[in-house]
Amino acid sequence: MGIDELGLIGAAIAVGLGAAVLPVFVNAEVYVVAIGATVNSRPFLALLIVIHVIATTIGKAFVFQLARKGTNKIRMVEPR
């Protein structure tokens, strides 16, 4: 596995996490279409998409937990 493949794997993780946290600015569907148009190896393309899906799921779980418990930790005044 060369540096190009590692770069594409890193990009898949970064775009997956970015699409989960900032979906307005990072579009996961555009990434998948662009990577599908540029990668020639079908097994490697499938691997990239699976890595991207896992990273997006982890990012969404983080956002869910932040929305669920994060507001209580940020709040300075305790509710009465």
Protein backbone atom coordinates (compact mmCIF):
# COMPACT_ATOMS: atom_id res chain seq x y z
CA MET A 1 0.00 0.00 0.00
CA GLY A 2 1.57 3.23 -1.16
CA ILE A 3 1.35 6.78 0.05
CA ASP A 4 -1.40 7.54 -2.46
CA GLU A 5 -3.67 4.86 -1.05
CA LEU A 6 -2.99 5.99 2.52
CA GLY A 7 -3.81 9.54 1.49
CA LEU A 8 -7.12 8.43 0.02
CA ILE A 9 -7.94 6.47 3.18
CA GLY A 10 -7.12 9.53 5.29
CA ALA A 11 -9.28 11.68 3.05
CA ALA A 12 -12.15 9.20 3.40
CA ILE A 13 -11.90 9.41 7.19
CA ALA A 14 -11.60 13.22 7.18
CA VAL A 15 -14.53 13.73 4.82
CA GLY A 16 -16.64 11.22 6.76
CA LEU A 17 -16.05 12.98 10.07
CA GLY A 18 -16.43 16.39 8.46
CA ALA A 19 -19.70 15.44 6.81
CA ALA A 20 -21.04 14.24 10.15
CA VAL A 21 -20.07 17.35 12.09
CA LEU A 22 -20.54 20.01 9.40
CA PRO A 23 -22.97 18.59 6.83
CA VAL A 24 -23.67 22.00 5.28
CA PHE A 25 -20.03 22.53 4.27
CA VAL A 26 -18.85 18.97 3.60
CA ASN A 27 -21.05 16.87 1.33
CA ALA A 28 -20.55 13.12 1.63
CA GLU A 29 -22.43 12.29 -1.57
CA VAL A 30 -20.23 14.56 -3.68
CA TYR A 31 -17.15 12.89 -2.18
CA VAL A 32 -18.42 9.40 -3.02
CA VAL A 33 -19.21 10.38 -6.61
CA ALA A 34 -15.83 12.10 -7.04
CA ILE A 35 -13.87 9.20 -5.58
CA GLY A 36 -15.88 6.76 -7.71
CA ALA A 37 -14.90 8.69 -10.81
CA THR A 38 -11.19 8.76 -9.96
CA VAL A 39 -10.37 5.35 -8.42
CA ASN A 40 -9.84 2.54 -10.93
CA SER A 41 -9.77 -0.45 -8.56
CA ARG A 42 -13.24 -1.62 -7.57
CA PRO A 43 -12.14 -3.45 -4.38
CA PHE A 44 -10.21 -0.38 -3.22
CA LEU A 45 -13.19 1.83 -4.06
CA ALA A 46 -15.43 -0.42 -1.96
CA LEU A 47 -12.91 -0.23 0.90
CA LEU A 48 -12.85 3.58 0.69
CA ILE A 49 -16.63 3.77 0.78
CA VAL A 50 -16.83 1.41 3.77
CA ILE A 51 -14.20 3.46 5.62
CA HIS A 52 -16.11 6.62 4.76
CA VAL A 53 -19.37 5.14 6.07
CA ILE A 54 -17.72 4.02 9.32
CA ALA A 55 -16.16 7.46 9.86
CA THR A 56 -19.51 9.16 9.18
CA THR A 57 -21.23 6.84 11.66
CA ILE A 58 -18.64 7.60 14.33
CA GLY A 59 -19.02 11.32 13.67
CA LYS A 60 -22.81 11.13 13.88
CA ALA A 61 -22.58 9.19 17.16
CA PHE A 62 -20.32 11.94 18.52
CA VAL A 63 -22.78 14.65 17.44
CA PHE A 64 -25.66 12.69 18.98
CA GLN A 65 -23.85 12.34 22.31
CA LEU A 66 -22.87 16.01 22.26
CA ALA A 67 -26.46 17.03 21.65
CA ARG A 68 -27.72 14.64 24.31
CA LYS A 69 -25.29 15.35 27.15
CA GLY A 70 -23.17 18.28 26.02
CA THR A 71 -25.65 21.03 26.82
CA ASN A 72 -25.71 20.11 30.51
CA LYS A 73 -21.93 20.34 30.72
CA ILE A 74 -21.78 23.68 28.90
CA ARG A 75 -24.53 25.32 30.89
CA MET A 76 -23.16 27.59 33.64
CA VAL A 77 -26.34 27.95 35.69
CA GLU A 78 -28.00 24.87 37.11
CA PRO A 79 -31.73 24.56 36.33
CA ARG A 80 -34.09 24.99 39.29
